[in-house]
Amino acid sequence: MRFVGRVRSRLEDLEYTDTDGRHLYCHNTKVGDMLLKVYRQEGGRWRLVDTLTSRGAAAVEWVMRRPDPRVGVCI
């Protein structure tokens, strides 16, 4: 199976300290919009089998070693 999607939302950036003392930046939202297309391989080709959507209810999160300049900081 293959999943292709898009998430849109206003994100918040939270700073944490890792166990090694370095900073981690957690970018997250709990009220995002998501479009997810589900594909299945049949005979060597990918066929779209479903499209899922969520408005204002998708949770998205990723962590980086430095802040993402596109994301506002929440203290």
PDB file of N, CA and C in Angstrom:
ATOM      1  N   MET A   1       0.840  -1.166   0.000  1.00  0.00           N
ATOM      2  CA  MET A   1       0.000   0.000   0.000  1.00  0.00           C
ATOM      3  C   MET A   1       0.888   1.234   0.000  1.00  0.00           C
ATOM      4  N   ARG A   2       0.333   2.308  -0.512  1.00  0.00           N
ATOM      5  CA  ARG A   2       1.016   3.602  -0.549  1.00  0.00           C
ATOM      6  C   ARG A   2       0.053   4.651  -0.018  1.00  0.00           C
ATOM      7  N   PHE A   3       0.589   5.541   0.797  1.00  0.00           N
ATOM      8  CA  PHE A   3      -0.206   6.626   1.366  1.00  0.00           C
ATOM      9  C   PHE A   3       0.406   7.953   0.933  1.00  0.00           C
ATOM     10  N   VAL A   4      -0.414   8.830   0.400  1.00  0.00           N
ATOM     11  CA  VAL A   4       0.024  10.158  -0.022  1.00  0.00           C
ATOM     12  C   VAL A   4      -0.918  11.161   0.622  1.00  0.00           C
ATOM     13  N   GLY A   5      -0.352  12.149   1.307  1.00  0.00           N
ATOM     14  CA  GLY A   5      -1.239  13.058   2.009  1.00  0.00           C
ATOM     15  C   GLY A   5      -0.722  14.469   2.131  1.00  0.00           C
ATOM     16  N   ARG A   6      -1.579  15.300   2.690  1.00  0.00           N
ATOM     17  CA  ARG A   6      -1.264  16.701   2.942  1.00  0.00           C
ATOM     18  C   ARG A   6      -1.914  17.087   4.269  1.00  0.00           C
ATOM     19  N   VAL A   7      -1.157  17.804   5.083  1.00  0.00           N
ATOM     20  CA  VAL A   7      -1.666  18.294   6.358  1.00  0.00           C
ATOM     21  C   VAL A   7      -1.492  19.806   6.381  1.00  0.00           C
ATOM     22  N   ARG A   8      -2.530  20.499   6.829  1.00  0.00           N
ATOM     23  CA  ARG A   8      -2.445  21.955   6.977  1.00  0.00           C
ATOM     24  C   ARG A   8      -2.963  22.337   8.350  1.00  0.00           C
ATOM     25  N   SER A   9      -2.208  23.218   8.996  1.00  0.00           N
ATOM     26  CA  SER A   9      -2.640  23.711  10.298  1.00  0.00           C
ATOM     27  C   SER A   9      -1.678  24.765  10.786  1.00  0.00           C
ATOM     28  N   ARG A  10      -2.135  25.523  11.738  1.00  0.00           N
ATOM     29  CA  ARG A  10      -1.244  26.414  12.469  1.00  0.00           C
ATOM     30  C   ARG A  10      -0.539  25.539  13.504  1.00  0.00           C
ATOM     31  N   LEU A  11       0.780  25.546  13.490  1.00  0.00           N
ATOM     32  CA  LEU A  11       1.557  24.704  14.388  1.00  0.00           C
ATOM     33  C   LEU A  11       2.131  25.523  15.532  1.00  0.00           C
ATOM     34  N   GLU A  12       2.415  24.861  16.618  1.00  0.00           N
ATOM     35  CA  GLU A  12       3.104  25.467  17.755  1.00  0.00           C
ATOM     36  C   GLU A  12       4.438  24.757  17.930  1.00  0.00           C
ATOM     37  N   ASP A  13       5.419  25.466  18.438  1.00  0.00           N
ATOM     38  CA  ASP A  13       6.769  24.943  18.626  1.00  0.00           C
ATOM     39  C   ASP A  13       7.087  24.945  20.117  1.00  0.00           C
ATOM     40  N   LEU A  14       7.364  23.784  20.670  1.00  0.00           N
ATOM     41  CA  LEU A  14       7.688  23.661  22.088  1.00  0.00           C
ATOM     42  C   LEU A  14       9.128  23.191  22.230  1.00  0.00           C
ATOM     43  N   GLU A  15       9.886  23.819  23.107  1.00  0.00           N
ATOM     44  CA  GLU A  15      11.291  23.466  23.293  1.00  0.00           C
ATOM     45  C   GLU A  15      11.438  22.523  24.483  1.00  0.00           C
ATOM     46  N   TYR A  16      12.226  21.448  24.279  1.00  0.00           N
ATOM     47  CA  TYR A  16      12.505  20.470  25.323  1.00  0.00           C
ATOM     48  C   TYR A  16      14.011  20.305  25.453  1.00  0.00           C
ATOM     49  N   THR A  17      14.444  19.734  26.557  1.00  0.00           N
ATOM     50  CA  THR A  17      15.847  19.373  26.723  1.00  0.00           C
ATOM     51  C   THR A  17      15.951  17.861  26.640  1.00  0.00           C
ATOM     52  N   ASP A  18      16.818  17.382  25.730  1.00  0.00           N
ATOM     53  CA  ASP A  18      17.036  15.953  25.545  1.00  0.00           C
ATOM     54  C   ASP A  18      17.844  15.409  26.726  1.00  0.00           C
ATOM     55  N   THR A  19      17.918  14.098  26.855  1.00  0.00           N
ATOM     56  CA  THR A  19      18.660  13.477  27.954  1.00  0.00           C
ATOM     57  C   THR A  19      20.149  13.791  27.894  1.00  0.00           C
ATOM     58  N   ASP A  20      20.667  14.138  26.704  1.00  0.00           N
ATOM     59  CA  ASP A  20      22.082  14.508  26.579  1.00  0.00           C
ATOM     60  C   ASP A  20      22.310  16.006  26.803  1.00  0.00           C
ATOM     61  N   GLY A  21      21.257  16.741  27.176  1.00  0.00           N
ATOM     62  CA  GLY A  21      21.369  18.160  27.469  1.00  0.00           C
ATOM     63  C   GLY A  21      21.127  19.086  26.287  1.00  0.00           C
ATOM     64  N   ARG A  22      21.014  18.534  25.086  1.00  0.00           N
ATOM     65  CA  ARG A  22      20.769  19.370  23.906  1.00  0.00           C
ATOM     66  C   ARG A  22      19.281  19.684  23.785  1.00  0.00           C
ATOM     67  N   HIS A  23      18.990  20.778  23.068  1.00  0.00           N
ATOM     68  CA  HIS A  23      17.600  21.199  22.882  1.00  0.00           C
ATOM     69  C   HIS A  23      16.912  20.387  21.784  1.00  0.00           C
ATOM     70  N   LEU A  24      15.644  20.102  21.999  1.00  0.00           N
ATOM     71  CA  LEU A  24      14.768  19.497  20.997  1.00  0.00           C
ATOM     72  C   LEU A  24      13.597  20.439  20.788  1.00  0.00           C
ATOM     73  N   TYR A  25      13.119  20.528  19.551  1.00  0.00           N
ATOM     74  CA  TYR A  25      11.981  21.384  19.234  1.00  0.00           C
ATOM     75  C   TYR A  25      10.861  20.511  18.697  1.00  0.00           C
ATOM     76  N   CYS A  26       9.773  20.475  19.434  1.00  0.00           N
ATOM     77  CA  CYS A  26       8.614  19.658  19.083  1.00  0.00           C
ATOM     78  C   CYS A  26       7.593  20.560  18.394  1.00  0.00           C
ATOM     79  N   HIS A  27       7.293  20.261  17.139  1.00  0.00           N
ATOM     80  CA  HIS A  27       6.327  21.025  16.352  1.00  0.00           C
ATOM     81  C   HIS A  27       5.049  20.199  16.297  1.00  0.00           C
ATOM     82  N   ASN A  28       3.941  20.753  16.775  1.00  0.00           N
ATOM     83  CA  ASN A  28       2.739  19.918  16.819  1.00  0.00           C
ATOM     84  C   ASN A  28       1.450  20.720  16.765  1.00  0.00           C
ATOM     85  N   THR A  29       0.395  19.987  16.429  1.00  0.00           N
ATOM     86  CA  THR A  29      -0.966  20.498  16.481  1.00  0.00           C
ATOM     87  C   THR A  29      -1.898  19.329  16.756  1.00  0.00           C
ATOM     88  N   LYS A  30      -3.019  19.610  17.299  1.00  0.00           N
ATOM     89  CA  LYS A  30      -4.064  18.594  17.518  1.00  0.00           C
ATOM     90  C   LYS A  30      -5.322  18.926  16.732  1.00  0.00           C
ATOM     91  N   VAL A  31      -5.293  20.020  15.973  1.00  0.00           N
ATOM     92  CA  VAL A  31      -6.496  20.472  15.259  1.00  0.00           C
ATOM     93  C   VAL A  31      -6.194  20.752  13.781  1.00  0.00           C
ATOM     94  N   GLY A  32      -5.400  19.895  13.161  1.00  0.00           N
ATOM     95  CA  GLY A  32      -5.039  20.085  11.760  1.00  0.00           C
ATOM     96  C   GLY A  32      -6.091  19.557  10.800  1.00  0.00           C
ATOM     97  N   ASP A  33      -5.949  19.961   9.539  1.00  0.00           N
ATOM     98  CA  ASP A  33      -6.749  19.416   8.439  1.00  0.00           C
ATOM     99  C   ASP A  33      -5.868  18.431   7.684  1.00  0.00           C
ATOM    100  N   MET A  34      -6.422  17.279   7.289  1.00  0.00           N
ATOM    101  CA  MET A  34      -5.632  16.280   6.584  1.00  0.00           C
ATOM    102  C   MET A  34      -6.412  15.692   5.417  1.00  0.00           C
ATOM    103  N   LEU A  35      -5.688  15.480   4.327  1.00  0.00           N
ATOM    104  CA  LEU A  35      -6.190  14.742   3.171  1.00  0.00           C
ATOM    105  C   LEU A  35      -5.222  13.588   2.962  1.00  0.00           C
ATOM    106  N   LEU A  36      -5.708  12.364   2.950  1.00  0.00           N
ATOM    107  CA  LEU A  36      -4.865  11.184   2.807  1.00  0.00           C
ATOM    108  C   LEU A  36      -5.438  10.284   1.724  1.00  0.00           C
ATOM    109  N   LYS A  37      -4.628  10.010   0.698  1.00  0.00           N
ATOM    110  CA  LYS A  37      -5.038   9.105  -0.381  1.00  0.00           C
ATOM    111  C   LYS A  37      -4.359   7.759  -0.178  1.00  0.00           C
ATOM    112  N   VAL A  38      -5.134   6.696  -0.333  1.00  0.00           N
ATOM    113  CA  VAL A  38      -4.656   5.336  -0.123  1.00  0.00           C
ATOM    114  C   VAL A  38      -4.624   4.623  -1.469  1.00  0.00           C
ATOM    115  N   TYR A  39      -3.447   4.070  -1.798  1.00  0.00           N
ATOM    116  CA  TYR A  39      -3.263   3.364  -3.066  1.00  0.00           C
ATOM    117  C   TYR A  39      -2.896   1.914  -2.793  1.00  0.00           C
ATOM    118  N   ARG A  40      -3.293   1.040  -3.716  1.00  0.00           N
ATOM    119  CA  ARG A  40      -2.930  -0.375  -3.656  1.00  0.00           C
ATOM    120  C   ARG A  40      -2.306  -0.748  -4.996  1.00  0.00           C
ATOM    121  N   GLN A  41      -1.240  -1.536  -4.935  1.00  0.00           N
ATOM    122  CA  GLN A  41      -0.577  -1.946  -6.166  1.00  0.00           C
ATOM    123  C   GLN A  41      -1.302  -3.145  -6.772  1.00  0.00           C
ATOM    124  N   GLU A  42      -1.644  -2.998  -8.050  1.00  0.00           N
ATOM    125  CA  GLU A  42      -2.333  -4.068  -8.775  1.00  0.00           C
ATOM    126  C   GLU A  42      -1.699  -4.192 -10.152  1.00  0.00           C
ATOM    127  N   GLY A  43      -1.111  -5.346 -10.419  1.00  0.00           N
ATOM    128  CA  GLY A  43      -0.509  -5.572 -11.728  1.00  0.00           C
ATOM    129  C   GLY A  43       0.607  -4.596 -12.063  1.00  0.00           C
ATOM    130  N   GLY A  44       1.390  -4.204 -11.078  1.00  0.00           N
ATOM    131  CA  GLY A  44       2.494  -3.292 -11.314  1.00  0.00           C
ATOM    132  C   GLY A  44       2.117  -1.820 -11.343  1.00  0.00           C
ATOM    133  N   ARG A  45       0.844  -1.499 -11.168  1.00  0.00           N
ATOM    134  CA  ARG A  45       0.394  -0.102 -11.163  1.00  0.00           C
ATOM    135  C   ARG A  45      -0.275   0.208  -9.834  1.00  0.00           C
ATOM    136  N   TRP A  46      -0.202   1.468  -9.438  1.00  0.00           N
ATOM    137  CA  TRP A  46      -0.855   1.912  -8.211  1.00  0.00           C
ATOM    138  C   TRP A  46      -2.252   2.411  -8.531  1.00  0.00           C
ATOM    139  N   ARG A  47      -3.243   1.877  -7.806  1.00  0.00           N
ATOM    140  CA  ARG A  47      -4.638   2.269  -8.002  1.00  0.00           C
ATOM    141  C   ARG A  47      -5.155   2.931  -6.729  1.00  0.00           C
ATOM    142  N   LEU A  48      -5.785   4.100  -6.888  1.00  0.00           N
ATOM    143  CA  LEU A  48      -6.387   4.803  -5.754  1.00  0.00           C
ATOM    144  C   LEU A  48      -7.584   4.000  -5.258  1.00  0.00           C
ATOM    145  N   VAL A  49      -7.565   3.642  -3.962  1.00  0.00           N
ATOM    146  CA  VAL A  49      -8.671   2.853  -3.413  1.00  0.00           C
ATOM    147  C   VAL A  49      -9.509   3.629  -2.402  1.00  0.00           C
ATOM    148  N   ASP A  50      -8.963   4.726  -1.846  1.00  0.00           N
ATOM    149  CA  ASP A  50      -9.743   5.500  -0.883  1.00  0.00           C
ATOM    150  C   ASP A  50      -9.109   6.870  -0.683  1.00  0.00           C
ATOM    151  N   THR A  51      -9.927   7.826  -0.309  1.00  0.00           N
ATOM    152  CA  THR A  51      -9.468   9.159   0.070  1.00  0.00           C
ATOM    153  C   THR A  51     -10.108   9.499   1.408  1.00  0.00           C
ATOM    154  N   LEU A  52      -9.272   9.801   2.385  1.00  0.00           N
ATOM    155  CA  LEU A  52      -9.739  10.107   3.737  1.00  0.00           C
ATOM    156  C   LEU A  52      -9.482  11.583   4.030  1.00  0.00           C
ATOM    157  N   THR A  53     -10.417  12.227   4.711  1.00  0.00           N
ATOM    158  CA  THR A  53     -10.244  13.637   5.066  1.00  0.00           C
ATOM    159  C   THR A  53     -10.598  13.855   6.530  1.00  0.00           C
ATOM    160  N   SER A  54      -9.949  14.852   7.101  1.00  0.00           N
ATOM    161  CA  SER A  54     -10.237  15.264   8.471  1.00  0.00           C
ATOM    162  C   SER A  54     -10.123  16.779   8.517  1.00  0.00           C
ATOM    163  N   ARG A  55     -11.137  17.429   9.048  1.00  0.00           N
ATOM    164  CA  ARG A  55     -11.105  18.894   9.176  1.00  0.00           C
ATOM    165  C   ARG A  55     -11.088  19.260  10.656  1.00  0.00           C
ATOM    166  N   GLY A  56      -9.981  19.866  11.063  1.00  0.00           N
ATOM    167  CA  GLY A  56      -9.859  20.335  12.437  1.00  0.00           C
ATOM    168  C   GLY A  56      -9.693  19.254  13.482  1.00  0.00           C
ATOM    169  N   ALA A  57      -9.321  18.035  13.070  1.00  0.00           N
ATOM    170  CA  ALA A  57      -9.211  16.946  14.043  1.00  0.00           C
ATOM    171  C   ALA A  57      -7.973  16.070  13.849  1.00  0.00           C
ATOM    172  N   ALA A  58      -7.040  16.470  12.992  1.00  0.00           N
ATOM    173  CA  ALA A  58      -5.836  15.665  12.750  1.00  0.00           C
ATOM    174  C   ALA A  58      -4.718  16.097  13.701  1.00  0.00           C
ATOM    175  N   ALA A  59      -4.063  15.123  14.312  1.00  0.00           N
ATOM    176  CA  ALA A  59      -2.910  15.389  15.172  1.00  0.00           C
ATOM    177  C   ALA A  59      -1.639  15.164  14.362  1.00  0.00           C
ATOM    178  N   VAL A  60      -0.732  16.147  14.409  1.00  0.00           N
ATOM    179  CA  VAL A  60       0.519  16.081  13.659  1.00  0.00           C
ATOM    180  C   VAL A  60       1.645  16.518  14.587  1.00  0.00           C
ATOM    181  N   GLU A  61       2.775  15.794  14.539  1.00  0.00           N
ATOM    182  CA  GLU A  61       3.902  16.162  15.388  1.00  0.00           C
ATOM    183  C   GLU A  61       5.198  15.660  14.781  1.00  0.00           C
ATOM    184  N   TRP A  62       6.254  16.495  14.854  1.00  0.00           N
ATOM    185  CA  TRP A  62       7.595  16.054  14.522  1.00  0.00           C
ATOM    186  C   TRP A  62       8.575  16.809  15.401  1.00  0.00           C
ATOM    187  N   VAL A  63       9.754  16.205  15.625  1.00  0.00           N
ATOM    188  CA  VAL A  63      10.760  16.775  16.514  1.00  0.00           C
ATOM    189  C   VAL A  63      12.050  16.974  15.731  1.00  0.00           C
ATOM    190  N   MET A  64      12.704  18.136  15.963  1.00  0.00           N
ATOM    191  CA  MET A  64      13.967  18.450  15.291  1.00  0.00           C
ATOM    192  C   MET A  64      14.955  18.992  16.319  1.00  0.00           C
ATOM    193  N   ARG A  65      16.217  19.057  15.933  1.00  0.00           N
ATOM    194  CA  ARG A  65      17.258  19.612  16.796  1.00  0.00           C
ATOM    195  C   ARG A  65      17.288  21.133  16.770  1.00  0.00           C
ATOM    196  N   ARG A  66      16.623  21.746  15.806  1.00  0.00           N
ATOM    197  CA  ARG A  66      16.576  23.212  15.747  1.00  0.00           C
ATOM    198  C   ARG A  66      15.160  23.628  15.396  1.00  0.00           C
ATOM    199  N   PRO A  67      14.771  24.840  15.746  1.00  0.00           N
ATOM    200  CA  PRO A  67      13.400  25.276  15.472  1.00  0.00           C
ATOM    201  C   PRO A  67      13.146  25.415  13.978  1.00  0.00           C
ATOM    202  N   ASP A  68      11.941  25.134  13.572  1.00  0.00           N
ATOM    203  CA  ASP A  68      11.517  25.324  12.185  1.00  0.00           C
ATOM    204  C   ASP A  68      11.106  26.788  12.039  1.00  0.00           C
ATOM    205  N   PRO A  69      11.717  27.545  11.119  1.00  0.00           N
ATOM    206  CA  PRO A  69      11.405  28.973  11.003  1.00  0.00           C
ATOM    207  C   PRO A  69       9.967  29.259  10.575  1.00  0.00           C
ATOM    208  N   ARG A  70       9.257  28.258  10.071  1.00  0.00           N
ATOM    209  CA  ARG A  70       7.866  28.450   9.647  1.00  0.00           C
ATOM    210  C   ARG A  70       6.878  28.335  10.798  1.00  0.00           C
ATOM    211  N   VAL A  71       7.354  27.934  11.978  1.00  0.00           N
ATOM    212  CA  VAL A  71       6.476  27.628  13.103  1.00  0.00           C
ATOM    213  C   VAL A  71       6.680  28.646  14.223  1.00  0.00           C
ATOM    214  N   GLY A  72       5.577  29.162  14.764  1.00  0.00           N
ATOM    215  CA  GLY A  72       5.655  30.095  15.888  1.00  0.00           C
ATOM    216  C   GLY A  72       6.003  29.376  17.175  1.00  0.00           C
ATOM    217  N   VAL A  73       6.679  30.064  18.067  1.00  0.00           N
ATOM    218  CA  VAL A  73       7.120  29.467  19.329  1.00  0.00           C
ATOM    219  C   VAL A  73       6.076  29.704  20.418  1.00  0.00           C
ATOM    220  N   CYS A  74       5.761  28.643  21.156  1.00  0.00           N
ATOM    221  CA  CYS A  74       4.841  28.713  22.295  1.00  0.00           C
ATOM    222  C   CYS A  74       5.664  28.506  23.561  1.00  0.00           C
ATOM    223  N   ILE A  75       5.567  29.436  24.486  1.00  0.00           N
ATOM    224  CA  ILE A  75       6.377  29.336  25.712  1.00  0.00           C
ATOM    225  C   ILE A  75       5.499  28.877  26.864  1.00  0.00           C
TER     226      ILE A  75
END
